[in-house]
Amino acid sequence: LKMSQSSMLQLASALLICSVAIYAADSRALGTWQLRSEKTVEGSSAIPHFAAKTIMTVKQGDSDNLVIQIEPKQPEITAHPIKLEGEVFSPNGKRMTQTLSSTNPQYRIILTWDKQ
């Protein structure tokens, strides 16, 4: 997935806030996803975590925009800036893996989502 830094920040914000339009995102992300796992690859156990069974819905917005909604809302995660480092889709498109990072507090997590 090739995205500008601005688009990555918008996508990361959309993952953690609700209903934010995303530009230049991969259309394979359309649909409803359930969080399968979250793995901390850098940082302490005190970092904020996504709730178990979090649901992410990705819909087509205007033109090339995608709109993302996360339930339940994750206000403890939105308290600091984060960055989407990338996402990878399984060959059949039924699983998506995303890497998110933050510098304050410093951490990197890998989120794995299953398409519903």
PDB file of N, CA and C in Angstrom:
ATOM      1  N   LEU A   1       0.849  -1.172   0.000  1.00  0.00           N
ATOM      2  CA  LEU A   1       0.000   0.000   0.000  1.00  0.00           C
ATOM      3  C   LEU A   1       0.889   1.227   0.000  1.00  0.00           C
ATOM      4  N   LYS A   2       0.757   2.079  -0.996  1.00  0.00           N
ATOM      5  CA  LYS A   2       1.537   3.301  -1.077  1.00  0.00           C
ATOM      6  C   LYS A   2       0.638   4.470  -0.738  1.00  0.00           C
ATOM      7  N   MET A   3       1.020   5.213   0.305  1.00  0.00           N
ATOM      8  CA  MET A   3       0.217   6.341   0.755  1.00  0.00           C
ATOM      9  C   MET A   3       1.155   7.471   1.127  1.00  0.00           C
ATOM     10  N   SER A   4       0.698   8.702   0.963  1.00  0.00           N
ATOM     11  CA  SER A   4       1.472   9.844   1.424  1.00  0.00           C
ATOM     12  C   SER A   4       1.441   9.874   2.948  1.00  0.00           C
ATOM     13  N   GLN A   5       2.390  10.608   3.556  1.00  0.00           N
ATOM     14  CA  GLN A   5       2.407  10.707   5.014  1.00  0.00           C
ATOM     15  C   GLN A   5       1.106  11.307   5.522  1.00  0.00           C
ATOM     16  N   SER A   6       0.565  12.295   4.798  1.00  0.00           N
ATOM     17  CA  SER A   6      -0.702  12.905   5.187  1.00  0.00           C
ATOM     18  C   SER A   6      -1.821  11.869   5.189  1.00  0.00           C
ATOM     19  N   SER A   7      -1.867  11.030   4.152  1.00  0.00           N
ATOM     20  CA  SER A   7      -2.906  10.000   4.079  1.00  0.00           C
ATOM     21  C   SER A   7      -2.735   8.977   5.193  1.00  0.00           C
ATOM     22  N   MET A   8      -1.477   8.632   5.523  1.00  0.00           N
ATOM     23  CA  MET A   8      -1.249   7.681   6.609  1.00  0.00           C
ATOM     24  C   MET A   8      -1.756   8.239   7.935  1.00  0.00           C
ATOM     25  N   LEU A   9      -1.495   9.516   8.180  1.00  0.00           N
ATOM     26  CA  LEU A   9      -1.969  10.122   9.423  1.00  0.00           C
ATOM     27  C   LEU A   9      -3.488  10.166   9.454  1.00  0.00           C
ATOM     28  N   GLN A  10      -4.112  10.450   8.307  1.00  0.00           N
ATOM     29  CA  GLN A  10      -5.574  10.465   8.255  1.00  0.00           C
ATOM     30  C   GLN A  10      -6.121   9.081   8.527  1.00  0.00           C
ATOM     31  N   LEU A  11      -5.502   8.052   7.932  1.00  0.00           N
ATOM     32  CA  LEU A  11      -5.978   6.687   8.138  1.00  0.00           C
ATOM     33  C   LEU A  11      -5.816   6.276   9.595  1.00  0.00           C
ATOM     34  N   ALA A  12      -4.683   6.591  10.167  1.00  0.00           N
ATOM     35  CA  ALA A  12      -4.461   6.252  11.567  1.00  0.00           C
ATOM     36  C   ALA A  12      -5.480   6.961  12.457  1.00  0.00           C
ATOM     37  N   SER A  13      -5.740   8.223  12.171  1.00  0.00           N
ATOM     38  CA  SER A  13      -6.737   8.961  12.947  1.00  0.00           C
ATOM     39  C   SER A  13      -8.105   8.324  12.791  1.00  0.00           C
ATOM     40  N   ALA A  14      -8.431   7.899  11.587  1.00  0.00           N
ATOM     41  CA  ALA A  14      -9.734   7.296  11.335  1.00  0.00           C
ATOM     42  C   ALA A  14      -9.880   5.981  12.077  1.00  0.00           C
ATOM     43  N   LEU A  15      -8.797   5.243  12.205  1.00  0.00           N
ATOM     44  CA  LEU A  15      -8.871   3.990  12.936  1.00  0.00           C
ATOM     45  C   LEU A  15      -9.218   4.210  14.400  1.00  0.00           C
ATOM     46  N   LEU A  16      -8.821   5.352  14.920  1.00  0.00           N
ATOM     47  CA  LEU A  16      -8.939   5.560  16.347  1.00  0.00           C
ATOM     48  C   LEU A  16     -10.008   6.552  16.742  1.00  0.00           C
ATOM     49  N   ILE A  17     -10.449   7.358  15.808  1.00  0.00           N
ATOM     50  CA  ILE A  17     -11.560   8.262  16.053  1.00  0.00           C
ATOM     51  C   ILE A  17     -12.683   7.643  15.220  1.00  0.00           C
ATOM     52  N   CYS A  18     -13.777   8.218  14.978  1.00  0.00           N
ATOM     53  CA  CYS A  18     -14.796   7.563  14.166  1.00  0.00           C
ATOM     54  C   CYS A  18     -15.163   8.398  12.960  1.00  0.00           C
ATOM     55  N   SER A  19     -15.568   7.745  11.888  1.00  0.00           N
ATOM     56  CA  SER A  19     -16.136   8.373  10.702  1.00  0.00           C
ATOM     57  C   SER A  19     -15.266   9.476  10.107  1.00  0.00           C
ATOM     58  N   VAL A  20     -14.047   9.150   9.786  1.00  0.00           N
ATOM     59  CA  VAL A  20     -13.139  10.107   9.156  1.00  0.00           C
ATOM     60  C   VAL A  20     -12.896   9.658   7.727  1.00  0.00           C
ATOM     61  N   ALA A  21     -12.972  10.577   6.779  1.00  0.00           N
ATOM     62  CA  ALA A  21     -12.734  10.242   5.380  1.00  0.00           C
ATOM     63  C   ALA A  21     -11.252   9.970   5.163  1.00  0.00           C
ATOM     64  N   ILE A  22     -10.949   8.978   4.347  1.00  0.00           N
ATOM     65  CA  ILE A  22      -9.578   8.582   4.068  1.00  0.00           C
ATOM     66  C   ILE A  22      -9.341   8.714   2.568  1.00  0.00           C
ATOM     67  N   TYR A  23      -8.190   9.221   2.193  1.00  0.00           N
ATOM     68  CA  TYR A  23      -7.835   9.376   0.788  1.00  0.00           C
ATOM     69  C   TYR A  23      -6.816   8.322   0.398  1.00  0.00           C
ATOM     70  N   ALA A  24      -6.899   7.840  -0.806  1.00  0.00           N
ATOM     71  CA  ALA A  24      -5.918   6.934  -1.403  1.00  0.00           C
ATOM     72  C   ALA A  24      -5.752   5.631  -0.628  1.00  0.00           C
ATOM     73  N   ALA A  25      -6.791   5.151   0.009  1.00  0.00           N
ATOM     74  CA  ALA A  25      -6.711   3.895   0.741  1.00  0.00           C
ATOM     75  C   ALA A  25      -7.010   2.721  -0.189  1.00  0.00           C
ATOM     76  N   ASP A  26      -6.606   1.539   0.191  1.00  0.00           N
ATOM     77  CA  ASP A  26      -6.768   0.330  -0.607  1.00  0.00           C
ATOM     78  C   ASP A  26      -8.226  -0.145  -0.526  1.00  0.00           C
ATOM     79  N   SER A  27      -8.869  -0.327  -1.673  1.00  0.00           N
ATOM     80  CA  SER A  27     -10.286  -0.713  -1.697  1.00  0.00           C
ATOM     81  C   SER A  27     -10.521  -2.118  -1.138  1.00  0.00           C
ATOM     82  N   ARG A  28      -9.467  -2.936  -1.014  1.00  0.00           N
ATOM     83  CA  ARG A  28      -9.638  -4.261  -0.404  1.00  0.00           C
ATOM     84  C   ARG A  28     -10.060  -4.152   1.058  1.00  0.00           C
ATOM     85  N   ALA A  29      -9.883  -2.961   1.644  1.00  0.00           N
ATOM     86  CA  ALA A  29     -10.254  -2.763   3.043  1.00  0.00           C
ATOM     87  C   ALA A  29     -11.756  -2.593   3.237  1.00  0.00           C
ATOM     88  N   LEU A  30     -12.524  -2.412   2.152  1.00  0.00           N
ATOM     89  CA  LEU A  30     -13.974  -2.218   2.266  1.00  0.00           C
ATOM     90  C   LEU A  30     -14.627  -3.407   2.968  1.00  0.00           C
ATOM     91  N   GLY A  31     -15.570  -3.112   3.853  1.00  0.00           N
ATOM     92  CA  GLY A  31     -16.315  -4.168   4.534  1.00  0.00           C
ATOM     93  C   GLY A  31     -16.197  -4.048   6.036  1.00  0.00           C
ATOM     94  N   THR A  32     -16.604  -5.115   6.718  1.00  0.00           N
ATOM     95  CA  THR A  32     -16.582  -5.160   8.177  1.00  0.00           C
ATOM     96  C   THR A  32     -15.496  -6.129   8.611  1.00  0.00           C
ATOM     97  N   TRP A  33     -14.691  -5.680   9.583  1.00  0.00           N
ATOM     98  CA  TRP A  33     -13.557  -6.443  10.081  1.00  0.00           C
ATOM     99  C   TRP A  33     -13.665  -6.584  11.599  1.00  0.00           C
ATOM    100  N   GLN A  34     -13.276  -7.748  12.117  1.00  0.00           N
ATOM    101  CA  GLN A  34     -13.229  -7.951  13.561  1.00  0.00           C
ATOM    102  C   GLN A  34     -11.773  -8.153  13.969  1.00  0.00           C
ATOM    103  N   LEU A  35     -11.390  -7.480  15.057  1.00  0.00           N
ATOM    104  CA  LEU A  35     -10.021  -7.598  15.544  1.00  0.00           C
ATOM    105  C   LEU A  35      -9.753  -9.031  15.987  1.00  0.00           C
ATOM    106  N   ARG A  36      -8.762  -9.640  15.377  1.00  0.00           N
ATOM    107  CA  ARG A  36      -8.366 -11.009  15.709  1.00  0.00           C
ATOM    108  C   ARG A  36      -7.292 -11.000  16.796  1.00  0.00           C
ATOM    109  N   SER A  37      -6.319 -10.104  16.634  1.00  0.00           N
ATOM    110  CA  SER A  37      -5.245 -10.060  17.622  1.00  0.00           C
ATOM    111  C   SER A  37      -4.542  -8.710  17.592  1.00  0.00           C
ATOM    112  N   GLU A  38      -3.879  -8.436  18.690  1.00  0.00           N
ATOM    113  CA  GLU A  38      -3.047  -7.245  18.828  1.00  0.00           C
ATOM    114  C   GLU A  38      -1.753  -7.694  19.488  1.00  0.00           C
ATOM    115  N   LYS A  39      -0.639  -7.351  18.866  1.00  0.00           N
ATOM    116  CA  LYS A  39       0.658  -7.764  19.398  1.00  0.00           C
ATOM    117  C   LYS A  39       1.526  -6.528  19.582  1.00  0.00           C
ATOM    118  N   THR A  40       2.065  -6.342  20.773  1.00  0.00           N
ATOM    119  CA  THR A  40       2.990  -5.250  21.040  1.00  0.00           C
ATOM    120  C   THR A  40       4.379  -5.708  20.605  1.00  0.00           C
ATOM    121  N   VAL A  41       4.990  -4.977  19.666  1.00  0.00           N
ATOM    122  CA  VAL A  41       6.334  -5.332  19.211  1.00  0.00           C
ATOM    123  C   VAL A  41       7.388  -4.377  19.767  1.00  0.00           C
ATOM    124  N   GLU A  42       6.935  -3.260  20.312  1.00  0.00           N
ATOM    125  CA  GLU A  42       7.839  -2.312  20.963  1.00  0.00           C
ATOM    126  C   GLU A  42       7.023  -1.501  21.952  1.00  0.00           C
ATOM    127  N   GLY A  43       7.565  -1.281  23.138  1.00  0.00           N
ATOM    128  CA  GLY A  43       6.864  -0.488  24.144  1.00  0.00           C
ATOM    129  C   GLY A  43       6.481  -1.327  25.342  1.00  0.00           C
ATOM    130  N   SER A  44       5.970  -0.668  26.359  1.00  0.00           N
ATOM    131  CA  SER A  44       5.624  -1.346  27.605  1.00  0.00           C
ATOM    132  C   SER A  44       4.200  -1.884  27.560  1.00  0.00           C
ATOM    133  N   SER A  45       3.878  -2.688  28.544  1.00  0.00           N
ATOM    134  CA  SER A  45       2.519  -3.237  28.626  1.00  0.00           C
ATOM    135  C   SER A  45       1.519  -2.180  29.066  1.00  0.00           C
ATOM    136  N   ALA A  46       2.021  -0.994  29.459  1.00  0.00           N
ATOM    137  CA  ALA A  46       1.140   0.079  29.918  1.00  0.00           C
ATOM    138  C   ALA A  46       0.536   0.884  28.774  1.00  0.00           C
ATOM    139  N   ILE A  47       0.902   0.567  27.532  1.00  0.00           N
ATOM    140  CA  ILE A  47       0.350   1.316  26.401  1.00  0.00           C
ATOM    141  C   ILE A  47      -1.123   0.981  26.229  1.00  0.00           C
ATOM    142  N   PRO A  48      -1.904   1.887  25.601  1.00  0.00           N
ATOM    143  CA  PRO A  48      -3.323   1.585  25.400  1.00  0.00           C
ATOM    144  C   PRO A  48      -3.514   0.440  24.404  1.00  0.00           C
ATOM    145  N   HIS A  49      -4.548  -0.339  24.625  1.00  0.00           N
ATOM    146  CA  HIS A  49      -4.839  -1.476  23.754  1.00  0.00           C
ATOM    147  C   HIS A  49      -6.255  -1.363  23.205  1.00  0.00           C
ATOM    148  N   PHE A  50      -6.468  -1.952  22.029  1.00  0.00           N
ATOM    149  CA  PHE A  50      -7.812  -2.037  21.472  1.00  0.00           C
ATOM    150  C   PHE A  50      -8.619  -3.032  22.290  1.00  0.00           C
ATOM    151  N   ALA A  51      -9.902  -2.785  22.400  1.00  0.00           N
ATOM    152  CA  ALA A  51     -10.788  -3.710  23.105  1.00  0.00           C
ATOM    153  C   ALA A  51     -10.881  -5.014  22.312  1.00  0.00           C
ATOM    154  N   ALA A  52     -11.004  -6.131  23.028  1.00  0.00           N
ATOM    155  CA  ALA A  52     -11.186  -7.426  22.374  1.00  0.00           C
ATOM    156  C   ALA A  52     -12.433  -7.380  21.497  1.00  0.00           C
ATOM    157  N   LYS A  53     -12.369  -8.010  20.367  1.00  0.00           N
ATOM    158  CA  LYS A  53     -13.499  -8.104  19.422  1.00  0.00           C
ATOM    159  C   LYS A  53     -13.926  -6.751  18.856  1.00  0.00           C
ATOM    160  N   THR A  54     -13.013  -5.771  18.818  1.00  0.00           N
ATOM    161  CA  THR A  54     -13.307  -4.476  18.198  1.00  0.00           C
ATOM    162  C   THR A  54     -13.751  -4.704  16.761  1.00  0.00           C
ATOM    163  N   ILE A  55     -14.756  -3.970  16.326  1.00  0.00           N
ATOM    164  CA  ILE A  55     -15.273  -4.053  14.958  1.00  0.00           C
ATOM    165  C   ILE A  55     -14.901  -2.773  14.208  1.00  0.00           C
ATOM    166  N   MET A  56     -14.331  -2.953  13.019  1.00  0.00           N
ATOM    167  CA  MET A  56     -13.988  -1.830  12.148  1.00  0.00           C
ATOM    168  C   MET A  56     -14.812  -1.980  10.863  1.00  0.00           C
ATOM    169  N   THR A  57     -15.552  -0.937  10.514  1.00  0.00           N
ATOM    170  CA  THR A  57     -16.337  -0.939   9.283  1.00  0.00           C
ATOM    171  C   THR A  57     -15.741   0.098   8.339  1.00  0.00           C
ATOM    172  N   VAL A  58     -15.431  -0.342   7.131  1.00  0.00           N
ATOM    173  CA  VAL A  58     -14.837   0.533   6.119  1.00  0.00           C
ATOM    174  C   VAL A  58     -15.824   0.627   4.963  1.00  0.00           C
ATOM    175  N   LYS A  59     -16.269   1.854   4.659  1.00  0.00           N
ATOM    176  CA  LYS A  59     -17.249   2.084   3.592  1.00  0.00           C
ATOM    177  C   LYS A  59     -16.682   3.041   2.554  1.00  0.00           C
ATOM    178  N   GLN A  60     -17.223   2.962   1.352  1.00  0.00           N
ATOM    179  CA  GLN A  60     -16.842   3.884   0.288  1.00  0.00           C
ATOM    180  C   GLN A  60     -17.450   5.248   0.570  1.00  0.00           C
ATOM    181  N   GLY A  61     -16.628   6.288   0.535  1.00  0.00           N
ATOM    182  CA  GLY A  61     -17.096   7.656   0.701  1.00  0.00           C
ATOM    183  C   GLY A  61     -17.181   8.332  -0.652  1.00  0.00           C
ATOM    184  N   ASP A  62     -17.006   9.625  -0.678  1.00  0.00           N
ATOM    185  CA  ASP A  62     -17.004  10.383  -1.924  1.00  0.00           C
ATOM    186  C   ASP A  62     -15.755  10.057  -2.735  1.00  0.00           C
ATOM    187  N   SER A  63     -15.895   9.940  -4.034  1.00  0.00           N
ATOM    188  CA  SER A  63     -14.812   9.650  -4.989  1.00  0.00           C
ATOM    189  C   SER A  63     -13.903   8.545  -4.459  1.00  0.00           C
ATOM    190  N   ASP A  64     -12.622   8.833  -4.197  1.00  0.00           N
ATOM    191  CA  ASP A  64     -11.678   7.800  -3.766  1.00  0.00           C
ATOM    192  C   ASP A  64     -11.560   7.679  -2.254  1.00  0.00           C
ATOM    193  N   ASN A  65     -12.420   8.333  -1.506  1.00  0.00           N
ATOM    194  CA  ASN A  65     -12.335   8.317  -0.048  1.00  0.00           C
ATOM    195  C   ASN A  65     -12.965   7.067   0.535  1.00  0.00           C
ATOM    196  N   LEU A  66     -12.394   6.596   1.636  1.00  0.00           N
ATOM    197  CA  LEU A  66     -13.002   5.541   2.428  1.00  0.00           C
ATOM    198  C   LEU A  66     -13.314   6.121   3.795  1.00  0.00           C
ATOM    199  N   VAL A  67     -14.408   5.658   4.392  1.00  0.00           N
ATOM    200  CA  VAL A  67     -14.811   6.126   5.722  1.00  0.00           C
ATOM    201  C   VAL A  67     -14.717   4.933   6.668  1.00  0.00           C
ATOM    202  N   ILE A  68     -14.057   5.144   7.802  1.00  0.00           N
ATOM    203  CA  ILE A  68     -13.823   4.069   8.759  1.00  0.00           C
ATOM    204  C   ILE A  68     -14.520   4.382  10.074  1.00  0.00           C
ATOM    205  N   GLN A  69     -15.211   3.379  10.618  1.00  0.00           N
ATOM    206  CA  GLN A  69     -15.832   3.493  11.938  1.00  0.00           C
ATOM    207  C   GLN A  69     -15.316   2.357  12.799  1.00  0.00           C
ATOM    208  N   ILE A  70     -15.005   2.678  14.056  1.00  0.00           N
ATOM    209  CA  ILE A  70     -14.523   1.689  15.013  1.00  0.00           C
ATOM    210  C   ILE A  70     -15.524   1.608  16.160  1.00  0.00           C
ATOM    211  N   GLU A  71     -15.921   0.387  16.523  1.00  0.00           N
ATOM    212  CA  GLU A  71     -16.802   0.162  17.672  1.00  0.00           C
ATOM    213  C   GLU A  71     -16.210  -0.951  18.524  1.00  0.00           C
ATOM    214  N   PRO A  72     -16.106  -0.839  19.805  1.00  0.00           N
ATOM    215  CA  PRO A  72     -16.419   0.364  20.561  1.00  0.00           C
ATOM    216  C   PRO A  72     -15.367   1.441  20.332  1.00  0.00           C
ATOM    217  N   LYS A  73     -15.766   2.700  20.596  1.00  0.00           N
ATOM    218  CA  LYS A  73     -14.831   3.809  20.452  1.00  0.00           C
ATOM    219  C   LYS A  73     -13.666   3.608  21.413  1.00  0.00           C
ATOM    220  N   GLN A  74     -12.493   4.108  21.030  1.00  0.00           N
ATOM    221  CA  GLN A  74     -11.275   3.865  21.791  1.00  0.00           C
ATOM    222  C   GLN A  74     -10.643   5.188  22.245  1.00  0.00           C
ATOM    223  N   PRO A  75     -11.302   5.960  23.144  1.00  0.00           N
ATOM    224  CA  PRO A  75     -10.785   7.286  23.506  1.00  0.00           C
ATOM    225  C   PRO A  75      -9.401   7.271  24.133  1.00  0.00           C
ATOM    226  N   GLU A  76      -9.036   6.197  24.828  1.00  0.00           N
ATOM    227  CA  GLU A  76      -7.716   6.156  25.456  1.00  0.00           C
ATOM    228  C   GLU A  76      -6.599   6.067  24.412  1.00  0.00           C
ATOM    229  N   ILE A  77      -6.919   5.583  23.224  1.00  0.00           N
ATOM    230  CA  ILE A  77      -5.921   5.478  22.162  1.00  0.00           C
ATOM    231  C   ILE A  77      -5.787   6.808  21.425  1.00  0.00           C
ATOM    232  N   THR A  78      -6.831   7.585  21.367  1.00  0.00           N
ATOM    233  CA  THR A  78      -6.796   8.850  20.619  1.00  0.00           C
ATOM    234  C   THR A  78      -6.127   9.974  21.406  1.00  0.00           C
ATOM    235  N   ALA A  79      -5.655   9.706  22.599  1.00  0.00           N
ATOM    236  CA  ALA A  79      -5.062  10.748  23.435  1.00  0.00           C
ATOM    237  C   ALA A  79      -3.651  11.137  22.991  1.00  0.00           C
ATOM    238  N   HIS A  80      -3.109  10.463  21.988  1.00  0.00           N
ATOM    239  CA  HIS A  80      -1.770  10.782  21.510  1.00  0.00           C
ATOM    240  C   HIS A  80      -1.685  10.509  20.010  1.00  0.00           C
ATOM    241  N   PRO A  81      -0.745  11.149  19.291  1.00  0.00           N
ATOM    242  CA  PRO A  81      -0.637  10.942  17.847  1.00  0.00           C
ATOM    243  C   PRO A  81      -0.102   9.553  17.516  1.00  0.00           C
ATOM    244  N   ILE A  82      -0.678   8.940  16.484  1.00  0.00           N
ATOM    245  CA  ILE A  82      -0.215   7.631  16.022  1.00  0.00           C
ATOM    246  C   ILE A  82       0.016   7.685  14.526  1.00  0.00           C
ATOM    247  N   LYS A  83       0.719   6.669  14.020  1.00  0.00           N
ATOM    248  CA  LYS A  83       1.047   6.603  12.596  1.00  0.00           C
ATOM    249  C   LYS A  83       0.789   5.184  12.097  1.00  0.00           C
ATOM    250  N   LEU A  84       0.156   5.073  10.936  1.00  0.00           N
ATOM    251  CA  LEU A  84      -0.007   3.779  10.287  1.00  0.00           C
ATOM    252  C   LEU A  84       1.239   3.541   9.455  1.00  0.00           C
ATOM    253  N   GLU A  85       1.994   2.492   9.789  1.00  0.00           N
ATOM    254  CA  GLU A  85       3.225   2.192   9.057  1.00  0.00           C
ATOM    255  C   GLU A  85       2.958   1.358   7.815  1.00  0.00           C
ATOM    256  N   GLY A  86       1.831   0.693   7.756  1.00  0.00           N
ATOM    257  CA  GLY A  86       1.514  -0.110   6.584  1.00  0.00           C
ATOM    258  C   GLY A  86       0.445  -1.138   6.897  1.00  0.00           C
ATOM    259  N   GLU A  87      -0.099  -1.710   5.833  1.00  0.00           N
ATOM    260  CA  GLU A  87      -1.060  -2.798   6.005  1.00  0.00           C
ATOM    261  C   GLU A  87      -0.803  -3.828   4.925  1.00  0.00           C
ATOM    262  N   VAL A  88      -1.072  -5.088   5.271  1.00  0.00           N
ATOM    263  CA  VAL A  88      -0.838  -6.214   4.376  1.00  0.00           C
ATOM    264  C   VAL A  88      -2.110  -7.048   4.363  1.00  0.00           C
ATOM    265  N   PHE A  89      -2.527  -7.475   3.174  1.00  0.00           N
ATOM    266  CA  PHE A  89      -3.706  -8.330   3.034  1.00  0.00           C
ATOM    267  C   PHE A  89      -3.268  -9.756   2.736  1.00  0.00           C
ATOM    268  N   SER A  90      -4.033 -10.734   3.271  1.00  0.00           N
ATOM    269  CA  SER A  90      -3.783 -12.131   2.939  1.00  0.00           C
ATOM    270  C   SER A  90      -4.111 -12.332   1.460  1.00  0.00           C
ATOM    271  N   PRO A  91      -3.591 -13.401   0.837  1.00  0.00           N
ATOM    272  CA  PRO A  91      -3.868 -13.635  -0.583  1.00  0.00           C
ATOM    273  C   PRO A  91      -5.365 -13.698  -0.917  1.00  0.00           C
ATOM    274  N   ASN A  92      -6.182 -14.225  -0.001  1.00  0.00           N
ATOM    275  CA  ASN A  92      -7.625 -14.318  -0.278  1.00  0.00           C
ATOM    276  C   ASN A  92      -8.385 -13.068   0.167  1.00  0.00           C
ATOM    277  N   GLY A  93      -7.694 -12.077   0.760  1.00  0.00           N
ATOM    278  CA  GLY A  93      -8.331 -10.830   1.163  1.00  0.00           C
ATOM    279  C   GLY A  93      -9.181 -10.924   2.411  1.00  0.00           C
ATOM    280  N   LYS A  94      -9.120 -12.056   3.128  1.00  0.00           N
ATOM    281  CA  LYS A  94      -9.974 -12.251   4.310  1.00  0.00           C
ATOM    282  C   LYS A  94      -9.288 -11.827   5.607  1.00  0.00           C
ATOM    283  N   ARG A  95      -8.002 -11.481   5.541  1.00  0.00           N
ATOM    284  CA  ARG A  95      -7.277 -11.051   6.734  1.00  0.00           C
ATOM    285  C   ARG A  95      -6.419  -9.839   6.377  1.00  0.00           C
ATOM    286  N   MET A  96      -6.399  -8.866   7.274  1.00  0.00           N
ATOM    287  CA  MET A  96      -5.610  -7.663   7.076  1.00  0.00           C
ATOM    288  C   MET A  96      -4.759  -7.446   8.322  1.00  0.00           C
ATOM    289  N   THR A  97      -3.475  -7.155   8.113  1.00  0.00           N
ATOM    290  CA  THR A  97      -2.559  -6.888   9.210  1.00  0.00           C
ATOM    291  C   THR A  97      -2.060  -5.461   9.077  1.00  0.00           C
ATOM    292  N   GLN A  98      -2.150  -4.691  10.154  1.00  0.00           N
ATOM    293  CA  GLN A  98      -1.721  -3.294  10.165  1.00  0.00           C
ATOM    294  C   GLN A  98      -0.698  -3.096  11.266  1.00  0.00           C
ATOM    295  N   THR A  99       0.282  -2.227  11.005  1.00  0.00           N
ATOM    296  CA  THR A  99       1.254  -1.854  12.018  1.00  0.00           C
ATOM    297  C   THR A  99       1.035  -0.390  12.366  1.00  0.00           C
ATOM    298  N   LEU A 100       0.792  -0.112  13.637  1.00  0.00           N
ATOM    299  CA  LEU A 100       0.604   1.254  14.131  1.00  0.00           C
ATOM    300  C   LEU A 100       1.741   1.576  15.089  1.00  0.00           C
ATOM    301  N   SER A 101       2.158   2.853  15.090  1.00  0.00           N
ATOM    302  CA  SER A 101       3.211   3.255  16.023  1.00  0.00           C
ATOM    303  C   SER A 101       2.921   4.636  16.583  1.00  0.00           C
ATOM    304  N   SER A 102       3.585   4.935  17.696  1.00  0.00           N
ATOM    305  CA  SER A 102       3.484   6.232  18.355  1.00  0.00           C
ATOM    306  C   SER A 102       4.839   6.561  18.962  1.00  0.00           C
ATOM    307  N   THR A 103       5.125   7.842  19.062  1.00  0.00           N
ATOM    308  CA  THR A 103       6.358   8.254  19.732  1.00  0.00           C
ATOM    309  C   THR A 103       6.098   8.799  21.127  1.00  0.00           C
ATOM    310  N   ASN A 104       4.838   9.018  21.498  1.00  0.00           N
ATOM    311  CA  ASN A 104       4.525   9.568  22.815  1.00  0.00           C
ATOM    312  C   ASN A 104       3.201   9.012  23.324  1.00  0.00           C
ATOM    313  N   PRO A 105       3.141   7.917  24.020  1.00  0.00           N
ATOM    314  CA  PRO A 105       4.269   7.102  24.452  1.00  0.00           C
ATOM    315  C   PRO A 105       4.804   6.278  23.289  1.00  0.00           C
ATOM    316  N   GLN A 106       6.044   5.851  23.375  1.00  0.00           N
ATOM    317  CA  GLN A 106       6.656   5.108  22.271  1.00  0.00           C
ATOM    318  C   GLN A 106       6.198   3.657  22.284  1.00  0.00           C
ATOM    319  N   TYR A 107       5.627   3.240  21.151  1.00  0.00           N
ATOM    320  CA  TYR A 107       5.227   1.842  20.991  1.00  0.00           C
ATOM    321  C   TYR A 107       5.001   1.533  19.516  1.00  0.00           C
ATOM    322  N   ARG A 108       4.979   0.254  19.215  1.00  0.00           N
ATOM    323  CA  ARG A 108       4.569  -0.273  17.912  1.00  0.00           C
ATOM    324  C   ARG A 108       3.703  -1.477  18.191  1.00  0.00           C
ATOM    325  N   ILE A 109       2.540  -1.517  17.531  1.00  0.00           N
ATOM    326  CA  ILE A 109       1.648  -2.669  17.672  1.00  0.00           C
ATOM    327  C   ILE A 109       1.262  -3.186  16.300  1.00  0.00           C
ATOM    328  N   ILE A 110       0.987  -4.474  16.253  1.00  0.00           N
ATOM    329  CA  ILE A 110       0.484  -5.100  15.026  1.00  0.00           C
ATOM    330  C   ILE A 110      -0.929  -5.561  15.308  1.00  0.00           C
ATOM    331  N   LEU A 111      -1.866  -5.090  14.474  1.00  0.00           N
ATOM    332  CA  LEU A 111      -3.273  -5.461  14.587  1.00  0.00           C
ATOM    333  C   LEU A 111      -3.601  -6.412  13.447  1.00  0.00           C
ATOM    334  N   THR A 112      -4.265  -7.502  13.753  1.00  0.00           N
ATOM    335  CA  THR A 112      -4.728  -8.424  12.723  1.00  0.00           C
ATOM    336  C   THR A 112      -6.250  -8.446  12.761  1.00  0.00           C
ATOM    337  N   TRP A 113      -6.860  -8.230  11.590  1.00  0.00           N
ATOM    338  CA  TRP A 113      -8.315  -8.159  11.451  1.00  0.00           C
ATOM    339  C   TRP A 113      -8.807  -9.280  10.544  1.00  0.00           C
ATOM    340  N   ASP A 114      -9.953  -9.870  10.877  1.00  0.00           N
ATOM    341  CA  ASP A 114     -10.612 -10.867  10.022  1.00  0.00           C
ATOM    342  C   ASP A 114     -11.834 -10.219   9.394  1.00  0.00           C
ATOM    343  N   LYS A 115     -11.993 -10.427   8.075  1.00  0.00           N
ATOM    344  CA  LYS A 115     -13.152  -9.887   7.368  1.00  0.00           C
ATOM    345  C   LYS A 115     -14.392 -10.678   7.793  1.00  0.00           C
ATOM    346  N   GLN A 116     -15.470  -9.969   8.064  1.00  0.00           N
ATOM    347  CA  GLN A 116     -16.715 -10.597   8.521  1.00  0.00           C
ATOM    348  C   GLN A 116     -17.676 -10.779   7.362  1.00  0.00           C
TER     349      GLN A 116
END
